Each structure stands twice: as structure tokens, then as C-alpha cells.
Amino acid sequence: MDYQFIAETDLFEGCTTRQTEEMLSCLGAQEKTFPKECMIYHTGEEVHHMGLLLSGGINIVRTDVWGNQNIIGHIAPGEVFAETYACISGEPLLADVVTVKPSEVLFLDVFKVMSTCASSCSHHQRLIRNLVTIMASKNLNLTQKINHITPKTIRERLLSYLSQEAVRQGKESFDIPFNRQQMADYLSVERSALSAELSKMQKDGLLTYQKNHFTLNG
């Protein structure tokens, strides 16, 4: 287990590698590996463990009764998932958790995370504060997604999403975590219409792109 990497995640921010190792032992953490396109959690499932992605990539996908998919979010290495549902006993998941590439996940019992351990390790309270901050940040991200899909035109949705990514990553040239179909699902538009609009935006000089790499022209 890569304790140094785990110590550098937002969940364990402020903890040393040694302190992180001690807490993981106390929390009974379990590491598992999953192949590409594997369903880690299913819609309707009740979960008691949150996941910390160590490597790979995960999409949170909501599918309606007609089979239409909507990507709610993407989980990158170092980020957590299913923490909200694991904190609410008896609340079923409203989305699938699916790997987009081979992935390693560290599972943590949320009850043990949120409760002071028997040994009362001095860094447990920091872990709880970090988790609350992460959950607040995710609520903000969902609000931002609503802002992306509120505009009526595909161009406006693309500009909203890509502009935010440029600001978030602090540069005008950046990679996004989605392929075209996933990007279309995330923005709630048809893939063909999305691709056509991207082509028009490139011809208009607003941006250039190659696969999932984009450069915005200010």
C-alpha cells in the first residue's frame, strides 16, 4: 500500500505518512483492484464503505428506465466516492459507480472514520474535518454542473464547462477526464451534436482540441 500517496490526498491532508499508516490500521482499510468498466456499486445498493481511489478512474453514472445515461461526475486518483451515502444509513445509491480504466480502491468503514477510535489517535479529528470539507466541495461541484447544463445551447454548455476546467487547472491548455460520449452524457446532449459544435467552435477560433486535450483561445 502506498502510504505516501494516501497521505498526500485531501482526505489525509495534514497527516504524515506514519500517521496515515497508523490510522489506516485503526480504520481497518481494505485495498481492492477492479478491471475496466467494472461496476463497483450499483444503483439501489446500500453502502457502508466509502472509497478512496488510488489509481485508475471512475465515473458516477445515473441511468433512467429507458437506458439513457447521465454522468454526474468523475473520480480521479486521490479522490473519494460514496461517502455521502455511506454516512446515511439505509439510503440507497441513486447512481452506478463504474471504472473507466483498471483501478485500485481503498475502502474505509465510514462508521469508523466518523467515530473516535478506541485508541483516540490524535489525528482522527483532522480526518473527520477533511471529510466534511470534501463533502462540502462536492456539493459545490454539483451546483457547478447544474450551471453547465442550464444553458439551452450546446455551445453555451461547452463554454461553461471548458471555462471552469481552465480556471480549475490554472491554464488555458488542459486535459479533461471524459471521452466524447462521456462528455456528451455529462453535459446532457447528443454525442453527434456535441462533436459538430466542437468542430464549429474550432473553426470560429474559440478553441483547438485533440481528443480530450483542449486549448482555449482568449
C-alpha atoms as a PDB file:
ATOM      1  CA  MET A   1       0.000   0.000   0.000  1.00  0.00           C
ATOM      2  CA  ASP A   2       1.377   3.415  -0.997  1.00  0.00           C
ATOM      3  CA  TYR A   3       1.064   5.268   2.310  1.00  0.00           C
ATOM      4  CA  GLN A   4       2.923   8.303   0.991  1.00  0.00           C
ATOM      5  CA  PHE A   5       0.389   8.805  -1.834  1.00  0.00           C
ATOM      6  CA  ILE A   6      -2.522   8.314   0.562  1.00  0.00           C
ATOM      7  CA  ALA A   7      -1.059  10.850   2.992  1.00  0.00           C
ATOM      8  CA  GLU A   8      -0.985  13.417   0.173  1.00  0.00           C
ATOM      9  CA  THR A   9      -4.718  13.080  -0.619  1.00  0.00           C
ATOM     10  CA  ASP A  10      -7.285  15.633   0.543  1.00  0.00           C
ATOM     11  CA  LEU A  11      -8.769  13.082   2.946  1.00  0.00           C
ATOM     12  CA  PHE A  12      -5.490  12.740   4.858  1.00  0.00           C
ATOM     13  CA  GLU A  13      -4.269  16.304   4.390  1.00  0.00           C
ATOM     14  CA  GLY A  14      -2.100  17.429   7.301  1.00  0.00           C
ATOM     15  CA  CYS A  15      -1.097  13.889   8.265  1.00  0.00           C
ATOM     16  CA  THR A  16       2.363  12.400   7.891  1.00  0.00           C
ATOM     17  CA  THR A  17       2.961   9.084   6.169  1.00  0.00           C
ATOM     18  CA  ARG A  18       3.479   7.427   9.551  1.00  0.00           C
ATOM     19  CA  GLN A  19       0.306   8.926  10.995  1.00  0.00           C
ATOM     20  CA  THR A  20      -1.657   7.844   7.914  1.00  0.00           C
ATOM     21  CA  GLU A  21      -0.390   4.283   8.212  1.00  0.00           C
ATOM     22  CA  GLU A  22      -1.415   4.171  11.874  1.00  0.00           C
ATOM     23  CA  MET A  23      -4.913   5.481  11.116  1.00  0.00           C
ATOM     24  CA  LEU A  24      -5.488   3.051   8.254  1.00  0.00           C
ATOM     25  CA  SER A  25      -4.652   0.181  10.549  1.00  0.00           C
ATOM     26  CA  CYS A  26      -7.099   1.547  13.111  1.00  0.00           C
ATOM     27  CA  LEU A  27      -9.806   2.040  10.453  1.00  0.00           C
ATOM     28  CA  GLY A  28      -9.454  -1.469   9.029  1.00  0.00           C
ATOM     29  CA  ALA A  29      -8.880  -0.166   5.493  1.00  0.00           C
ATOM     30  CA  GLN A  30      -9.120  -2.686   2.626  1.00  0.00           C
ATOM     31  CA  GLU A  31      -7.490  -2.298  -0.786  1.00  0.00           C
ATOM     32  CA  LYS A  32      -9.136  -3.848  -3.858  1.00  0.00           C
ATOM     33  CA  THR A  33      -8.448  -3.815  -7.602  1.00  0.00           C
ATOM     34  CA  PHE A  34     -11.049  -3.630 -10.391  1.00  0.00           C
ATOM     35  CA  PRO A  35     -10.822  -4.082 -14.177  1.00  0.00           C
ATOM     36  CA  LYS A  36     -12.018  -1.507 -16.705  1.00  0.00           C
ATOM     37  CA  GLU A  37     -15.803  -0.988 -16.993  1.00  0.00           C
ATOM     38  CA  CYS A  38     -16.435  -2.770 -13.706  1.00  0.00           C
ATOM     39  CA  MET A  39     -19.470  -1.830 -11.593  1.00  0.00           C
ATOM     40  CA  ILE A  40     -18.139  -1.150  -8.097  1.00  0.00           C
ATOM     41  CA  TYR A  41     -21.506  -0.080  -6.684  1.00  0.00           C
ATOM     42  CA  HIS A  42     -24.962  -0.456  -8.256  1.00  0.00           C
ATOM     43  CA  THR A  43     -27.970   1.862  -8.219  1.00  0.00           C
ATOM     44  CA  GLY A  44     -30.242   0.899  -5.325  1.00  0.00           C
ATOM     45  CA  GLU A  45     -27.438  -0.639  -3.293  1.00  0.00           C
ATOM     46  CA  GLU A  46     -26.911   0.383   0.328  1.00  0.00           C
ATOM     47  CA  VAL A  47     -23.251   1.051   1.126  1.00  0.00           C
ATOM     48  CA  HIS A  48     -21.347   1.310   4.384  1.00  0.00           C
ATOM     49  CA  HIS A  49     -17.861   1.928   2.985  1.00  0.00           C
ATOM     50  CA  MET A  50     -16.550   4.969   1.171  1.00  0.00           C
ATOM     51  CA  GLY A  51     -13.876   4.529  -1.459  1.00  0.00           C
ATOM     52  CA  LEU A  52     -10.576   6.356  -1.931  1.00  0.00           C
ATOM     53  CA  LEU A  53      -9.322   5.926  -5.486  1.00  0.00           C
ATOM     54  CA  LEU A  54      -5.616   5.069  -5.515  1.00  0.00           C
ATOM     55  CA  SER A  55      -5.193   4.652  -9.274  1.00  0.00           C
ATOM     56  CA  GLY A  56      -7.304   4.490 -12.425  1.00  0.00           C
ATOM     57  CA  GLY A  57     -10.542   6.396 -12.982  1.00  0.00           C
ATOM     58  CA  ILE A  58     -14.218   6.144 -12.033  1.00  0.00           C
ATOM     59  CA  ASN A  59     -17.424   7.687 -13.356  1.00  0.00           C
ATOM     60  CA  ILE A  60     -20.581   8.223 -11.327  1.00  0.00           C
ATOM     61  CA  VAL A  61     -23.393   7.370 -13.768  1.00  0.00           C
ATOM     62  CA  ARG A  62     -27.150   7.744 -13.454  1.00  0.00           C
ATOM     63  CA  THR A  63     -29.273   5.667 -15.858  1.00  0.00           C
ATOM     64  CA  ASP A  64     -33.011   6.201 -16.372  1.00  0.00           C
ATOM     65  CA  VAL A  65     -35.582   3.465 -17.073  1.00  0.00           C
ATOM     66  CA  TRP A  66     -35.079   3.898 -20.838  1.00  0.00           C
ATOM     67  CA  GLY A  67     -31.346   3.321 -20.591  1.00  0.00           C
ATOM     68  CA  ASN A  68     -30.249   6.935 -21.073  1.00  0.00           C
ATOM     69  CA  GLN A  69     -27.086   7.680 -19.133  1.00  0.00           C
ATOM     70  CA  ASN A  70     -26.023  10.873 -17.412  1.00  0.00           C
ATOM     71  CA  ILE A  71     -22.531  11.172 -15.967  1.00  0.00           C
ATOM     72  CA  ILE A  72     -22.850  13.007 -12.682  1.00  0.00           C
ATOM     73  CA  GLY A  73     -19.134  13.216 -12.026  1.00  0.00           C
ATOM     74  CA  HIS A  74     -15.674  11.754 -12.477  1.00  0.00           C
ATOM     75  CA  ILE A  75     -13.438  10.434  -9.700  1.00  0.00           C
ATOM     76  CA  ALA A  76      -9.674  10.820 -10.194  1.00  0.00           C
ATOM     77  CA  PRO A  77      -6.870   9.215  -8.139  1.00  0.00           C
ATOM     78  CA  GLY A  78      -6.763  10.713  -4.659  1.00  0.00           C
ATOM     79  CA  GLU A  79     -10.499  11.460  -4.590  1.00  0.00           C
ATOM     80  CA  VAL A  80     -13.238   9.714  -2.606  1.00  0.00           C
ATOM     81  CA  PHE A  81     -16.664   8.402  -3.605  1.00  0.00           C
ATOM     82  CA  ALA A  82     -19.874   7.078  -1.995  1.00  0.00           C
ATOM     83  CA  GLU A  83     -19.059   8.917   1.238  1.00  0.00           C
ATOM     84  CA  THR A  84     -22.434  10.681   1.447  1.00  0.00           C
ATOM     85  CA  TYR A  85     -24.498   7.516   1.053  1.00  0.00           C
ATOM     86  CA  ALA A  86     -22.257   5.586   3.429  1.00  0.00           C
ATOM     87  CA  CYS A  87     -22.917   8.248   6.068  1.00  0.00           C
ATOM     88  CA  ILE A  88     -26.713   7.910   5.753  1.00  0.00           C
ATOM     89  CA  SER A  89     -27.875   4.526   6.997  1.00  0.00           C
ATOM     90  CA  GLY A  90     -30.446   2.842   4.759  1.00  0.00           C
ATOM     91  CA  GLU A  91     -30.164   5.364   1.916  1.00  0.00           C
ATOM     92  CA  PRO A  92     -29.859   3.519  -1.444  1.00  0.00           C
ATOM     93  CA  LEU A  93     -27.475   4.745  -4.114  1.00  0.00           C
ATOM     94  CA  LEU A  94     -29.095   6.752  -6.908  1.00  0.00           C
ATOM     95  CA  ALA A  95     -26.251   6.126  -9.362  1.00  0.00           C
ATOM     96  CA  ASP A  96     -23.786   3.476 -10.518  1.00  0.00           C
ATOM     97  CA  VAL A  97     -20.084   3.677  -9.680  1.00  0.00           C
ATOM     98  CA  VAL A  98     -18.186   2.406 -12.739  1.00  0.00           C
ATOM     99  CA  THR A  99     -14.468   2.163 -13.532  1.00  0.00           C
ATOM    100  CA  VAL A 100     -13.312   3.708 -16.818  1.00  0.00           C
ATOM    101  CA  LYS A 101      -9.891   2.029 -16.594  1.00  0.00           C
ATOM    102  CA  PRO A 102      -8.266  -0.584 -14.347  1.00  0.00           C
ATOM    103  CA  SER A 103      -8.469   0.886 -10.841  1.00  0.00           C
ATOM    104  CA  GLU A 104      -7.258   0.394  -7.285  1.00  0.00           C
ATOM    105  CA  VAL A 105      -9.566   1.452  -4.472  1.00  0.00           C
ATOM    106  CA  LEU A 106      -9.053   1.752  -0.735  1.00  0.00           C
ATOM    107  CA  PHE A 107     -12.319   1.129   1.136  1.00  0.00           C
ATOM    108  CA  LEU A 108     -12.922   2.740   4.533  1.00  0.00           C
ATOM    109  CA  ASP A 109     -15.707   1.987   7.004  1.00  0.00           C
ATOM    110  CA  VAL A 110     -17.430   5.363   7.386  1.00  0.00           C
ATOM    111  CA  PHE A 111     -18.642   4.499  10.907  1.00  0.00           C
ATOM    112  CA  LYS A 112     -15.027   4.051  11.984  1.00  0.00           C
ATOM    113  CA  VAL A 113     -13.994   7.227  10.158  1.00  0.00           C
ATOM    114  CA  MET A 114     -16.671   9.350  11.834  1.00  0.00           C
ATOM    115  CA  SER A 115     -16.233   7.841  15.323  1.00  0.00           C
ATOM    116  CA  THR A 116     -13.251   8.482  17.552  1.00  0.00           C
ATOM    117  CA  CYS A 117     -11.265   5.275  17.726  1.00  0.00           C
ATOM    118  CA  ALA A 118     -10.660   3.364  20.943  1.00  0.00           C
ATOM    119  CA  SER A 119      -7.001   4.415  20.991  1.00  0.00           C
ATOM    120  CA  SER A 120      -8.057   8.062  20.496  1.00  0.00           C
ATOM    121  CA  CYS A 121      -5.324   8.741  17.953  1.00  0.00           C
ATOM    122  CA  SER A 122      -4.631  12.464  17.847  1.00  0.00           C
ATOM    123  CA  HIS A 123      -5.120  12.790  14.093  1.00  0.00           C
ATOM    124  CA  HIS A 124      -8.593  11.285  13.817  1.00  0.00           C
ATOM    125  CA  GLN A 125     -10.326  14.622  14.299  1.00  0.00           C
ATOM    126  CA  ARG A 126      -8.310  16.035  11.413  1.00  0.00           C
ATOM    127  CA  LEU A 127      -9.529  13.174   9.228  1.00  0.00           C
ATOM    128  CA  ILE A 128     -13.159  13.959  10.119  1.00  0.00           C
ATOM    129  CA  ARG A 129     -12.674  17.660   9.327  1.00  0.00           C
ATOM    130  CA  ASN A 130     -11.104  16.766   5.990  1.00  0.00           C
ATOM    131  CA  LEU A 131     -14.051  14.525   5.101  1.00  0.00           C
ATOM    132  CA  VAL A 132     -16.570  17.268   5.907  1.00  0.00           C
ATOM    133  CA  THR A 133     -14.603  19.686   3.699  1.00  0.00           C
ATOM    134  CA  ILE A 134     -14.588  17.177   0.829  1.00  0.00           C
ATOM    135  CA  MET A 135     -18.343  16.656   1.088  1.00  0.00           C
ATOM    136  CA  ALA A 136     -18.937  20.410   1.038  1.00  0.00           C
ATOM    137  CA  SER A 137     -16.699  20.726  -2.023  1.00  0.00           C
ATOM    138  CA  LYS A 138     -18.656  18.010  -3.842  1.00  0.00           C
ATOM    139  CA  ASN A 139     -21.906  19.831  -3.151  1.00  0.00           C
ATOM    140  CA  LEU A 140     -20.329  22.864  -4.798  1.00  0.00           C
ATOM    141  CA  ASN A 141     -19.281  20.756  -7.811  1.00  0.00           C
ATOM    142  CA  LEU A 142     -22.856  19.531  -8.277  1.00  0.00           C
ATOM    143  CA  THR A 143     -24.029  23.127  -8.249  1.00  0.00           C
ATOM    144  CA  GLN A 144     -21.446  23.924 -10.897  1.00  0.00           C
ATOM    145  CA  LYS A 145     -22.689  21.051 -13.059  1.00  0.00           C
ATOM    146  CA  ILE A 146     -26.193  22.458 -12.848  1.00  0.00           C
ATOM    147  CA  ASN A 147     -24.747  25.722 -14.133  1.00  0.00           C
ATOM    148  CA  HIS A 148     -23.197  23.838 -17.086  1.00  0.00           C
ATOM    149  CA  ILE A 149     -26.415  22.144 -18.199  1.00  0.00           C
ATOM    150  CA  THR A 150     -28.750  25.083 -17.575  1.00  0.00           C
ATOM    151  CA  PRO A 151     -27.915  26.970 -20.830  1.00  0.00           C
ATOM    152  CA  LYS A 152     -30.112  25.970 -23.766  1.00  0.00           C
ATOM    153  CA  THR A 153     -27.427  25.774 -26.465  1.00  0.00           C
ATOM    154  CA  ILE A 154     -24.655  23.195 -26.681  1.00  0.00           C
ATOM    155  CA  ARG A 155     -22.083  25.925 -27.286  1.00  0.00           C
ATOM    156  CA  GLU A 156     -23.025  27.677 -24.061  1.00  0.00           C
ATOM    157  CA  ARG A 157     -22.780  24.419 -22.128  1.00  0.00           C
ATOM    158  CA  LEU A 158     -19.363  23.685 -23.613  1.00  0.00           C
ATOM    159  CA  LEU A 159     -18.089  27.167 -22.882  1.00  0.00           C
ATOM    160  CA  SER A 160     -19.319  26.922 -19.303  1.00  0.00           C
ATOM    161  CA  TYR A 161     -17.676  23.548 -18.679  1.00  0.00           C
ATOM    162  CA  LEU A 162     -14.403  24.215 -20.506  1.00  0.00           C
ATOM    163  CA  SER A 163     -14.024  27.658 -18.938  1.00  0.00           C
ATOM    164  CA  GLN A 164     -14.401  26.157 -15.491  1.00  0.00           C
ATOM    165  CA  GLU A 165     -11.799  23.484 -16.271  1.00  0.00           C
ATOM    166  CA  ALA A 166      -9.352  26.155 -17.448  1.00  0.00           C
ATOM    167  CA  VAL A 167      -9.852  28.101 -14.224  1.00  0.00           C
ATOM    168  CA  ARG A 168      -9.704  24.982 -12.053  1.00  0.00           C
ATOM    169  CA  GLN A 169      -6.484  23.739 -13.647  1.00  0.00           C
ATOM    170  CA  GLY A 170      -4.997  27.229 -13.874  1.00  0.00           C
ATOM    171  CA  LYS A 171      -4.097  27.090 -17.566  1.00  0.00           C
ATOM    172  CA  GLU A 172      -5.646  27.611 -20.986  1.00  0.00           C
ATOM    173  CA  SER A 173      -4.405  24.244 -22.308  1.00  0.00           C
ATOM    174  CA  PHE A 174      -5.607  21.214 -20.351  1.00  0.00           C
ATOM    175  CA  ASP A 175      -6.971  17.661 -20.416  1.00  0.00           C
ATOM    176  CA  ILE A 176     -10.490  16.663 -19.429  1.00  0.00           C
ATOM    177  CA  PRO A 177     -11.344  13.237 -17.912  1.00  0.00           C
ATOM    178  CA  PHE A 178     -14.049  12.384 -20.485  1.00  0.00           C
ATOM    179  CA  ASN A 179     -14.143  10.923 -23.977  1.00  0.00           C
ATOM    180  CA  ARG A 180     -16.737  12.357 -26.396  1.00  0.00           C
ATOM    181  CA  GLN A 181     -19.594  10.103 -25.316  1.00  0.00           C
ATOM    182  CA  GLN A 182     -18.872  10.691 -21.641  1.00  0.00           C
ATOM    183  CA  MET A 183     -18.612  14.434 -22.222  1.00  0.00           C
ATOM    184  CA  ALA A 184     -21.960  14.400 -24.024  1.00  0.00           C
ATOM    185  CA  ASP A 185     -23.524  12.428 -21.165  1.00  0.00           C
ATOM    186  CA  TYR A 186     -22.082  14.839 -18.600  1.00  0.00           C
ATOM    187  CA  LEU A 187     -23.497  17.872 -20.422  1.00  0.00           C
ATOM    188  CA  SER A 188     -26.782  16.084 -21.237  1.00  0.00           C
ATOM    189  CA  VAL A 189     -26.516  16.462 -25.026  1.00  0.00           C
ATOM    190  CA  GLU A 190     -26.304  14.130 -28.028  1.00  0.00           C
ATOM    191  CA  ARG A 191     -22.798  12.998 -28.927  1.00  0.00           C
ATOM    192  CA  SER A 192     -23.117  13.833 -32.647  1.00  0.00           C
ATOM    193  CA  ALA A 193     -24.415  17.319 -31.849  1.00  0.00           C
ATOM    194  CA  LEU A 194     -21.597  17.840 -29.354  1.00  0.00           C
ATOM    195  CA  SER A 195     -18.938  16.817 -31.877  1.00  0.00           C
ATOM    196  CA  ALA A 196     -20.466  19.050 -34.540  1.00  0.00           C
ATOM    197  CA  GLU A 197     -20.492  22.046 -32.200  1.00  0.00           C
ATOM    198  CA  LEU A 198     -16.883  21.463 -31.137  1.00  0.00           C
ATOM    199  CA  SER A 199     -15.881  21.463 -34.799  1.00  0.00           C
ATOM    200  CA  LYS A 200     -17.720  24.756 -35.341  1.00  0.00           C
ATOM    201  CA  MET A 201     -16.106  26.301 -32.271  1.00  0.00           C
ATOM    202  CA  GLN A 202     -12.664  25.310 -33.552  1.00  0.00           C
ATOM    203  CA  LYS A 203     -13.414  26.858 -36.963  1.00  0.00           C
ATOM    204  CA  ASP A 204     -14.583  30.019 -35.192  1.00  0.00           C
ATOM    205  CA  GLY A 205     -11.241  30.214 -33.407  1.00  0.00           C
ATOM    206  CA  LEU A 206     -12.636  29.776 -29.913  1.00  0.00           C
ATOM    207  CA  LEU A 207     -10.580  26.682 -29.148  1.00  0.00           C
ATOM    208  CA  THR A 208      -8.463  23.868 -30.507  1.00  0.00           C
ATOM    209  CA  TYR A 209      -8.621  20.267 -29.396  1.00  0.00           C
ATOM    210  CA  GLN A 210      -7.150  16.819 -29.912  1.00  0.00           C
ATOM    211  CA  LYS A 211      -9.114  14.003 -28.298  1.00  0.00           C
ATOM    212  CA  ASN A 212      -9.500  15.051 -24.642  1.00  0.00           C
ATOM    213  CA  HIS A 213      -6.900  17.853 -24.764  1.00  0.00           C
ATOM    214  CA  PHE A 214      -8.277  21.368 -25.189  1.00  0.00           C
ATOM    215  CA  THR A 215      -6.776  24.811 -25.619  1.00  0.00           C
ATOM    216  CA  LEU A 216      -8.970  27.864 -25.191  1.00  0.00           C
ATOM    217  CA  ASN A 217      -8.187  30.896 -27.320  1.00  0.00           C
ATOM    218  CA  GLY A 218      -8.874  34.051 -25.340  1.00  0.00           C
END
